[in-house]
């Protein structure tokens, strides 16, 4: 597991005063080491709901559905984006198969956005304990940035520690947004039927797929396959949402056309909680490779720089604005949204059906170096391993030499790509293309 080790300048803290409790989130950025301005300072209008959502987010981070004990990492460090009158917290489970995002809506806070940006925050155990104590009538002020040197509550102090941040989180962010963009609205369930539905969820680990469907006036989980239902693999992971269901107004579910993810949005008055689980518990979002093809063509550096200068955190992404502002060739922005999302620079809002900007606290070259299959494809091309390439109409055939001299046959026809390698035999294209198909596509469409 690749990790980035970093240390916060100060721990997160809740500082109690006579009239309010103030939440200060310590942060770190790889591309801006040292001190950094505060991103946001202000009052949260519904601290009880927000605290419960953040606790659920922390529970997601602590959850593991595929690793063995030797692989566990006790991570409690969500990513927070502040800007455009909105605050977003994002995190993954340790296995990267569960994703959660807490959106504090514009009317959910009353404060000042001092600077727009994205950072990592420290969610230590005392902070979670303090969030548990927040009640409905409490006042809570949120500050994103370094504001205090310690955690102080009831005479207790917190000492900061080093934490590992897996690169799989960055890779997972790209895949989740890609799947969100492909998903479509499936159904909306009000509070009472949602509570009934979650109470019917089988206890313990669920090995077989369940199908969510409506039967009469009720919503049910069924083990009987149904094309009209929503397929959910590892449905026991939905139990992470159980503490929040009695607090919601309603929930929305979005369906992926190939059932590669199950996406749920919990709606509160001033907050929204987006939750997604991968196709199966043993398949984390970080290993899907769904976005690899979008990275085959290089994104012009000047375009990325122009976009970074133009955009700010949580802004709706419109590539045409960048083209007009900087007089860039319009042909270069084709599929730009998908490419930038594949780099982790864009998130996706399923309700608005739009991308939003997320300035990750990582250098761009780190993001682009996280895809071994893509690097393997480039190596194949550099060593001239793609041979006997023929292209007739929409049909492409090639032979690609493997690492041990074995020959693999690649067939690409319209949107279908097949290969005789073990990777394709095992996954049948469900987890992105193998390096042999990627190399062939890049040779034909980008290097040819």
Protein backbone atom coordinates (compact mmCIF):
# COMPACT_ATOMS: atom_id res chain seq x y z
CA UNK A 1 0.00 0.00 0.00
CA UNK A 2 1.43 3.38 -1.01
CA UNK A 3 1.08 6.08 1.62
CA UNK A 4 1.82 9.73 2.08
CA UNK A 5 2.98 10.50 5.62
CA UNK A 6 2.28 13.95 6.95
CA UNK A 7 1.86 15.73 10.25
CA UNK A 8 -0.66 18.39 11.13
CA UNK A 9 0.65 21.63 12.62
CA UNK A 10 -2.00 21.32 15.36
CA UNK A 11 -4.76 18.90 16.31
CA UNK A 12 -8.43 19.48 15.62
CA UNK A 13 -10.26 20.91 18.57
CA UNK A 14 -13.62 21.85 20.04
CA UNK A 15 -13.15 24.82 22.36
CA UNK A 16 -16.04 25.40 24.76
CA UNK A 17 -16.98 28.93 25.76
CA UNK A 18 -19.90 30.20 27.79
CA UNK A 19 -22.14 30.76 24.78
CA UNK A 20 -20.95 28.30 22.15
CA UNK A 21 -18.71 25.44 21.13
CA UNK A 22 -16.15 26.18 18.40
CA UNK A 23 -14.87 23.45 16.06
CA UNK A 24 -11.39 24.00 14.59
CA UNK A 25 -10.19 21.55 11.94
CA UNK A 26 -6.43 21.25 11.59
CA UNK A 27 -5.25 20.76 8.02
CA UNK A 28 -2.33 19.87 5.78
CA UNK A 29 -1.55 20.49 2.12
CA UNK A 30 1.31 18.82 0.26
CA UNK A 31 1.51 21.60 -2.31
CA UNK A 32 1.48 24.42 0.26
CA UNK A 33 3.59 23.29 3.19
CA UNK A 34 3.66 25.41 6.30
CA UNK A 35 1.11 27.97 7.40
CA UNK A 36 -2.00 28.59 5.33
CA UNK A 37 -4.93 31.03 5.70
CA UNK A 38 -8.21 29.93 7.19
CA UNK A 39 -10.65 28.72 4.54
CA UNK A 40 -13.90 29.20 6.45
CA UNK A 41 -15.08 30.59 9.77
CA UNK A 42 -18.70 30.67 10.83
CA UNK A 43 -21.68 29.22 12.65
CA UNK A 44 -23.28 25.92 11.64
CA UNK A 45 -27.06 26.33 11.70
CA UNK A 46 -27.87 22.70 12.49
CA UNK A 47 -24.92 21.40 14.53
CA UNK A 48 -26.78 18.31 15.76
CA UNK A 49 -27.45 16.91 12.28
CA UNK A 50 -24.00 17.92 11.02
CA UNK A 51 -22.27 16.30 13.98
CA UNK A 52 -24.20 13.06 13.43
CA UNK A 53 -23.30 13.10 9.73
CA UNK A 54 -19.62 13.65 10.54
CA UNK A 55 -19.71 10.80 13.06
CA UNK A 56 -21.18 8.53 10.37
CA UNK A 57 -18.45 9.69 8.00
CA UNK A 58 -15.88 8.77 10.65
CA UNK A 59 -17.54 5.35 11.03
CA UNK A 60 -17.15 4.84 7.28
CA UNK A 61 -13.43 5.59 7.57
CA UNK A 62 -13.06 3.07 10.41
CA UNK A 63 -14.95 0.38 8.48
CA UNK A 64 -13.28 -2.43 6.61
CA UNK A 65 -15.00 -4.99 4.39
CA UNK A 66 -12.12 -6.76 2.62
CA UNK A 67 -8.73 -6.32 4.34
CA UNK A 68 -7.26 -8.76 6.82
CA UNK A 69 -6.10 -7.61 10.25
CA UNK A 70 -2.51 -7.05 9.13
CA UNK A 71 -3.63 -4.54 6.48
CA UNK A 72 -5.80 -2.32 8.64
CA UNK A 73 -4.98 1.34 9.08
CA UNK A 74 -6.93 3.34 11.66
CA UNK A 75 -7.60 6.40 9.54
CA UNK A 76 -9.93 9.21 10.54
CA UNK A 77 -9.00 11.95 8.11
CA UNK A 78 -11.68 13.18 5.69
CA UNK A 79 -11.05 15.63 2.86
CA UNK A 80 -12.82 18.98 3.22
CA UNK A 81 -13.57 21.46 0.44
CA UNK A 82 -14.71 24.99 1.33
CA UNK A 83 -15.88 27.56 -1.19
CA UNK A 84 -18.79 28.86 -3.26
CA UNK A 85 -20.90 29.15 -0.07
CA UNK A 86 -20.66 25.41 0.53
CA UNK A 87 -18.62 22.97 2.63
CA UNK A 88 -18.05 19.33 1.71
CA UNK A 89 -16.45 16.53 3.75
CA UNK A 90 -15.42 13.36 1.87
CA UNK A 91 -13.97 10.04 3.03
CA UNK A 92 -13.59 6.35 2.19
CA UNK A 93 -13.65 3.17 4.20
CA UNK A 94 -10.28 1.51 4.81
CA UNK A 95 -10.98 -0.93 1.97
CA UNK A 96 -11.99 1.99 -0.31
CA UNK A 97 -15.27 0.24 -1.15
CA UNK A 98 -17.50 2.69 0.73
CA UNK A 99 -17.60 6.44 0.02
CA UNK A 100 -19.31 9.15 2.03
CA UNK A 101 -19.72 12.89 1.53
CA UNK A 102 -21.31 15.42 3.86
CA UNK A 103 -22.50 18.58 2.09
CA UNK A 104 -23.25 21.55 4.33
CA UNK A 105 -25.59 23.54 2.08
CA UNK A 106 -25.30 27.33 1.72
CA UNK A 107 -28.20 27.94 4.13
CA UNK A 108 -26.67 25.45 6.56
CA UNK A 109 -23.94 27.83 7.66
CA UNK A 110 -23.66 31.48 8.57
CA UNK A 111 -20.03 32.48 8.18
CA UNK A 112 -17.27 33.84 5.99
CA UNK A 113 -15.34 32.00 3.30
CA UNK A 114 -11.96 33.61 3.77
CA UNK A 115 -10.32 31.49 1.07
CA UNK A 116 -11.50 28.76 -1.31
CA UNK A 117 -9.69 25.45 -1.23
CA UNK A 118 -9.44 21.76 -0.36
CA UNK A 119 -7.50 20.19 2.47
CA UNK A 120 -7.24 17.14 4.73
CA UNK A 121 -8.56 17.34 8.27
CA UNK A 122 -7.79 15.47 11.46
CA UNK A 123 -10.69 13.59 13.04
CA UNK A 124 -9.19 12.27 16.27
CA UNK A 125 -11.02 10.21 18.88
CA UNK A 126 -11.60 13.11 21.33
CA UNK A 127 -13.07 15.16 18.48
CA UNK A 128 -15.56 12.40 17.65
CA UNK A 129 -16.37 12.07 21.35
CA UNK A 130 -17.04 15.80 21.51
CA UNK A 131 -19.26 15.65 18.41
CA UNK A 132 -21.26 12.94 20.14
CA UNK A 133 -22.04 15.39 22.93
CA UNK A 134 -23.53 18.01 20.60
CA UNK A 135 -27.26 18.45 21.23
CA UNK A 136 -30.00 20.07 19.15
CA UNK A 137 -29.94 23.41 20.95
CA UNK A 138 -26.13 23.76 21.05
CA UNK A 139 -24.25 26.43 19.11
CA UNK A 140 -21.33 25.32 16.97
CA UNK A 141 -18.85 27.41 15.00
CA UNK A 142 -16.78 25.73 12.28
CA UNK A 143 -13.35 26.92 11.23
CA UNK A 144 -11.52 25.11 8.44
CA UNK A 145 -7.85 25.88 8.89
CA UNK A 146 -5.24 26.18 11.63
CA UNK A 147 -6.70 28.22 14.49
CA UNK A 148 -5.67 26.54 17.71
CA UNK A 149 -2.75 24.48 18.97
CA UNK A 150 -4.69 21.93 20.93
CA UNK A 151 -7.99 20.26 21.71
CA UNK A 152 -9.47 21.61 24.92
CA UNK A 153 -12.62 20.23 26.51
CA UNK A 154 -13.22 19.64 30.18
CA UNK A 155 -9.55 20.23 30.92
CA UNK A 156 -8.28 17.64 28.42
CA UNK A 157 -5.64 18.31 25.74
CA UNK A 158 -4.96 16.44 22.48
CA UNK A 159 -1.44 15.68 21.20
CA UNK A 160 -1.16 15.51 17.41
CA UNK A 161 0.33 12.46 15.66
CA UNK A 162 1.52 11.45 12.22
CA UNK A 163 -1.04 9.67 10.03
CA UNK A 164 -0.77 7.72 6.76
CA UNK A 165 -2.96 8.73 3.82
CA UNK A 166 -3.37 5.89 1.26
CA UNK A 167 -3.03 6.81 -2.38
CA UNK A 168 -6.03 4.53 -2.95
CA UNK A 169 -8.22 7.37 -1.61
CA UNK A 170 -7.11 9.58 -4.48
CA UNK A 171 -7.73 6.79 -6.99
CA UNK A 172 -11.09 6.07 -5.37
CA UNK A 173 -12.15 9.69 -5.69
CA UNK A 174 -11.68 9.55 -9.45
CA UNK A 175 -13.70 6.34 -9.90
CA UNK A 176 -16.60 7.43 -7.68
CA UNK A 177 -17.10 10.67 -9.63
CA UNK A 178 -16.93 8.76 -12.91
CA UNK A 179 -19.66 6.36 -11.75
CA UNK A 180 -21.74 9.25 -10.33
CA UNK A 181 -21.69 10.94 -13.73
CA UNK A 182 -23.01 7.75 -15.37
CA UNK A 183 -25.77 7.14 -12.81
CA UNK A 184 -29.38 8.19 -13.18
CA UNK A 185 -32.15 8.89 -10.68
CA UNK A 186 -33.89 5.66 -9.67
CA UNK A 187 -36.34 6.41 -6.86
CA UNK A 188 -37.05 8.62 -3.86
CA UNK A 189 -38.23 7.24 -0.49
CA UNK A 190 -39.79 9.27 2.32
CA UNK A 191 -38.66 8.97 5.93
CA UNK A 192 -41.13 6.39 7.32
CA UNK A 193 -40.86 3.85 4.45
CA UNK A 194 -37.07 4.38 4.49
CA UNK A 195 -37.02 3.45 8.21
CA UNK A 196 -39.11 0.36 7.46
CA UNK A 197 -36.79 -0.60 4.60
CA UNK A 198 -33.62 -0.34 6.69
CA UNK A 199 -35.18 -2.28 9.55
CA UNK A 200 -35.77 -5.14 7.06
CA UNK A 201 -32.09 -5.25 6.09
CA UNK A 202 -30.72 -8.69 7.07
CA UNK A 203 -28.28 -8.67 9.98
CA UNK A 204 -24.69 -9.77 9.61
CA UNK A 205 -22.68 -10.19 6.42
CA UNK A 206 -24.78 -10.60 3.28
CA UNK A 207 -23.00 -12.82 0.76
CA UNK A 208 -25.50 -12.73 -2.11
CA UNK A 209 -26.76 -9.76 -4.11
CA UNK A 210 -29.95 -8.09 -2.94
CA UNK A 211 -32.37 -6.25 -5.20
CA UNK A 212 -34.14 -3.11 -4.01
CA UNK A 213 -37.61 -2.79 -5.51
CA UNK A 214 -41.10 -1.51 -4.81
CA UNK A 215 -43.80 -4.07 -4.11
CA UNK A 216 -47.23 -2.51 -3.71
CA UNK A 217 -46.80 0.46 -1.37
CA UNK A 218 -43.65 -0.91 0.25
CA UNK A 219 -39.97 -0.95 -0.64
CA UNK A 220 -38.21 -4.24 -0.03
CA UNK A 221 -34.84 -5.99 -0.34
CA UNK A 222 -35.23 -9.23 -2.29
CA UNK A 223 -32.75 -12.01 -3.05
CA UNK A 224 -34.63 -12.74 -6.28
CA UNK A 225 -32.95 -11.14 -9.27
CA UNK A 226 -35.05 -8.45 -10.92
CA UNK A 227 -34.17 -6.27 -13.90
CA UNK A 228 -36.57 -3.67 -12.54
CA UNK A 229 -34.78 -3.55 -9.19
CA UNK A 230 -31.53 -2.03 -8.03
CA UNK A 231 -28.76 -4.61 -7.61
CA UNK A 232 -26.77 -4.15 -4.37
CA UNK A 233 -23.67 -6.21 -3.65
CA UNK A 234 -22.55 -6.42 -0.04
CA UNK A 235 -25.76 -4.80 1.17
CA UNK A 236 -24.70 -5.18 4.83
CA UNK A 237 -22.57 -2.07 4.24
CA UNK A 238 -25.80 -0.06 4.16
CA UNK A 239 -25.97 -0.55 7.94
CA UNK A 240 -23.52 2.35 8.22
CA UNK A 241 -26.45 4.64 7.38
CA UNK A 242 -28.86 3.19 9.96
CA UNK A 243 -28.17 5.82 12.69
CA UNK A 244 -29.03 8.63 10.26
CA UNK A 245 -32.21 7.21 8.71
CA UNK A 246 -34.54 8.30 11.60
CA UNK A 247 -33.25 11.88 11.17
CA UNK A 248 -33.75 12.31 7.41
CA UNK A 249 -36.54 14.01 5.48
CA UNK A 250 -36.20 11.56 2.58
CA UNK A 251 -33.58 9.70 0.58
CA UNK A 252 -32.79 9.48 -3.13
CA UNK A 253 -31.23 6.53 -4.91
CA UNK A 254 -29.27 6.72 -8.17
CA UNK A 255 -28.72 3.65 -10.35
CA UNK A 256 -25.57 2.90 -12.36
CA UNK A 257 -26.39 1.38 -15.79
CA UNK A 258 -24.04 -1.58 -15.18
CA UNK A 259 -24.73 -1.85 -11.42
CA UNK A 260 -21.11 -1.05 -10.61
CA UNK A 261 -22.13 1.11 -7.64
CA UNK A 262 -25.13 1.81 -5.39
CA UNK A 263 -25.58 5.54 -4.71
CA UNK A 264 -27.79 7.04 -2.00
CA UNK A 265 -28.36 10.67 -0.96
CA UNK A 266 -29.85 11.37 2.48
CA UNK A 267 -31.72 14.70 2.58
CA UNK A 268 -31.89 16.86 5.70
CA UNK A 269 -33.05 20.48 5.95
CA UNK A 270 -29.58 22.02 5.72
CA UNK A 271 -27.31 19.07 4.99
CA UNK A 272 -27.06 16.27 2.44
CA UNK A 273 -25.19 13.01 2.92
CA UNK A 274 -24.04 11.16 -0.23
CA UNK A 275 -23.21 7.49 0.25
CA UNK A 276 -21.91 4.96 -2.28
CA UNK A 277 -20.82 1.32 -2.10
CA UNK A 278 -18.85 -0.59 -4.72
CA UNK A 279 -20.22 -3.59 -6.62
CA UNK A 280 -18.87 -6.07 -4.06
CA UNK A 281 -17.18 -5.72 -0.65
CA UNK A 282 -13.88 -7.06 -1.96
CA UNK A 283 -13.83 -4.51 -4.79
CA UNK A 284 -12.72 -1.10 -3.64
CA UNK A 285 -13.31 1.90 -5.90
CA UNK A 286 -9.54 2.48 -6.06
CA UNK A 287 -8.94 -0.70 -8.08
CA UNK A 288 -11.73 -0.45 -10.64
CA UNK A 289 -9.73 1.32 -13.35
CA UNK A 290 -12.90 2.76 -14.84
CA UNK A 291 -11.26 6.08 -15.67
CA UNK A 292 -8.06 4.76 -17.24
CA UNK A 293 -9.23 5.24 -20.83
CA UNK A 294 -9.95 8.92 -20.21
CA UNK A 295 -6.27 9.42 -19.28
CA UNK A 296 -4.89 7.96 -22.52
CA UNK A 297 -4.81 11.37 -24.17
CA UNK A 298 -2.62 13.93 -22.47
CA UNK A 299 -4.38 17.02 -21.13
CA UNK A 300 -2.44 20.12 -22.25
CA UNK A 301 -0.56 21.62 -19.32
CA UNK A 302 -1.59 25.14 -20.28
CA UNK A 303 -5.23 24.06 -20.14
CA UNK A 304 -4.85 22.65 -16.63
CA UNK A 305 -3.09 25.83 -15.48
CA UNK A 306 -5.77 28.01 -17.02
CA UNK A 307 -8.50 25.94 -15.42
CA UNK A 308 -6.78 26.06 -12.03
CA UNK A 309 -6.48 29.85 -12.22
CA UNK A 310 -10.08 30.29 -13.34
CA UNK A 311 -11.81 27.88 -10.98
CA UNK A 312 -12.43 27.89 -7.26
CA UNK A 313 -13.59 25.27 -4.78
CA UNK A 314 -17.11 23.86 -5.33
CA UNK A 315 -17.63 25.91 -8.47
CA UNK A 316 -19.70 24.23 -11.19
CA UNK A 317 -17.29 23.27 -13.96
CA UNK A 318 -17.92 24.63 -17.44
CA UNK A 319 -14.96 24.08 -19.79
CA UNK A 320 -16.26 26.66 -22.26
CA UNK A 321 -15.61 29.42 -19.73
CA UNK A 322 -11.93 28.47 -19.72
CA UNK A 323 -11.80 28.37 -23.52
CA UNK A 324 -13.32 31.83 -23.90
CA UNK A 325 -11.32 33.40 -21.08
CA UNK A 326 -7.92 32.15 -22.28
CA UNK A 327 -8.50 31.81 -26.04
CA UNK A 328 -7.71 28.07 -26.06
CA UNK A 329 -8.42 25.81 -29.02
CA UNK A 330 -11.92 24.43 -28.50
CA UNK A 331 -10.84 21.05 -29.89
CA UNK A 332 -8.58 20.55 -26.85
CA UNK A 333 -11.43 20.59 -24.35
CA UNK A 334 -13.28 17.56 -25.71
CA UNK A 335 -13.94 15.21 -22.78
CA UNK A 336 -12.05 17.60 -20.50
CA UNK A 337 -14.50 17.04 -17.65
CA UNK A 338 -13.91 13.29 -17.67
CA UNK A 339 -10.14 13.72 -17.84
CA UNK A 340 -9.96 16.22 -15.01
CA UNK A 341 -12.28 14.05 -12.92
CA UNK A 342 -9.96 11.11 -13.60
CA UNK A 343 -7.15 13.20 -12.09
CA UNK A 344 -9.23 13.87 -8.99
CA UNK A 345 -9.70 17.57 -9.73
CA UNK A 346 -13.46 17.36 -10.14
CA UNK A 347 -16.24 15.97 -7.98
CA UNK A 348 -19.75 15.21 -9.21
CA UNK A 349 -23.14 16.33 -7.94
CA UNK A 350 -25.73 13.75 -9.04
CA UNK A 351 -28.71 15.98 -8.19
CA UNK A 352 -27.48 18.87 -10.32
CA UNK A 353 -25.93 16.55 -12.90
CA UNK A 354 -22.77 18.67 -12.92
CA UNK A 355 -19.12 18.47 -11.96
CA UNK A 356 -17.71 20.74 -9.26
CA UNK A 357 -14.12 21.81 -8.76
CA UNK A 358 -12.07 20.22 -6.00
CA UNK A 359 -8.47 21.45 -5.66
CA UNK A 360 -6.85 18.35 -4.18
CA UNK A 361 -4.02 18.94 -1.70
CA UNK A 362 -1.63 16.88 -3.83
CA UNK A 363 0.77 17.62 -6.63
CA UNK A 364 -0.54 16.76 -10.07
CA UNK A 365 2.33 14.39 -10.89
CA UNK A 366 1.39 12.31 -7.82
CA UNK A 367 -2.17 11.85 -9.11
CA UNK A 368 -1.02 10.91 -12.61
CA UNK A 369 1.41 8.28 -11.28
CA UNK A 370 -1.19 6.15 -9.48
CA UNK A 371 -2.36 3.94 -12.34
CA UNK A 372 -0.10 0.91 -12.90
CA UNK A 373 -2.11 -0.39 -15.86
CA UNK A 374 -1.73 2.95 -17.63
CA UNK A 375 1.99 2.97 -16.89
CA UNK A 376 2.16 -0.61 -18.14
CA UNK A 377 0.47 0.40 -21.39
CA UNK A 378 2.99 3.21 -21.89
CA UNK A 379 5.83 0.74 -21.28
CA UNK A 380 4.39 -1.61 -23.89
CA UNK A 381 4.32 1.23 -26.42
CA UNK A 382 7.84 2.40 -25.56
CA UNK A 383 9.16 -1.13 -26.08
CA UNK A 384 7.17 -1.55 -29.32
CA UNK A 385 5.24 -4.55 -28.00
CA UNK A 386 2.05 -3.77 -29.98
CA UNK A 387 2.37 -5.51 -33.36
CA UNK A 388 0.30 -6.73 -36.29
CA UNK A 389 -2.06 -3.80 -35.86
CA UNK A 390 -4.90 -3.61 -38.36
CA UNK A 391 -7.80 -1.18 -38.53
CA UNK A 392 -10.83 -1.72 -40.77
CA UNK A 393 -13.77 0.60 -40.19
CA UNK A 394 -14.65 0.42 -36.50
CA UNK A 395 -12.78 -2.86 -36.01
CA UNK A 396 -9.23 -2.91 -34.62
CA UNK A 397 -7.07 -6.01 -34.14
CA UNK A 398 -3.59 -6.27 -32.65
CA UNK A 399 -1.11 -8.67 -31.09
CA UNK A 400 0.54 -7.49 -27.87
CA UNK A 401 3.57 -9.16 -26.32
CA UNK A 402 3.41 -9.84 -22.59
CA UNK A 403 6.18 -9.55 -20.02
CA UNK A 404 7.28 -13.16 -20.55
CA UNK A 405 7.06 -13.12 -24.33
CA UNK A 406 3.53 -14.49 -24.52
CA UNK A 407 1.30 -13.10 -27.26
CA UNK A 408 -2.16 -11.68 -26.53
CA UNK A 409 -4.83 -10.97 -29.13
CA UNK A 410 -6.69 -7.66 -28.75
CA UNK A 411 -10.00 -6.96 -30.50
CA UNK A 412 -11.67 -3.56 -30.35
CA UNK A 413 -14.98 -3.12 -32.13
CA UNK A 414 -17.11 -0.01 -31.54
CA UNK A 415 -17.41 0.27 -27.73
CA UNK A 416 -16.42 -3.35 -27.06
CA UNK A 417 -12.81 -4.27 -26.26
CA UNK A 418 -11.55 -7.81 -25.59
CA UNK A 419 -8.19 -9.40 -24.86
CA UNK A 420 -6.95 -12.97 -24.37
CA UNK A 421 -4.89 -12.03 -21.30
CA UNK A 422 -5.64 -13.39 -17.79
CA UNK A 423 -6.84 -9.96 -16.59
CA UNK A 424 -9.64 -9.82 -19.14
CA UNK A 425 -10.54 -13.49 -18.59
CA UNK A 426 -10.97 -12.80 -14.88
CA UNK A 427 -12.79 -9.45 -15.01
CA UNK A 428 -14.46 -9.43 -18.45
CA UNK A 429 -13.93 -5.67 -18.77
CA UNK A 430 -15.89 -4.80 -15.62
CA UNK A 431 -12.89 -3.20 -13.90
CA UNK A 432 -11.56 -1.12 -16.78
CA UNK A 433 -9.34 -2.18 -19.65
CA UNK A 434 -6.19 -4.27 -19.32
CA UNK A 435 -2.86 -2.68 -20.24
CA UNK A 436 -2.86 -4.46 -23.63
CA UNK A 437 -6.15 -2.87 -24.70
CA UNK A 438 -5.05 0.51 -23.30
CA UNK A 439 -1.79 0.35 -25.25
CA UNK A 440 -3.62 -0.57 -28.46
CA UNK A 441 -6.16 2.25 -28.06
CA UNK A 442 -3.48 4.81 -27.31
CA UNK A 443 -1.45 3.72 -30.32
CA UNK A 444 -4.44 3.99 -32.64
CA UNK A 445 -6.19 7.11 -31.33
CA UNK A 446 -3.40 9.19 -29.81
CA UNK A 447 0.02 8.07 -31.02
CA UNK A 448 -0.88 6.84 -34.46
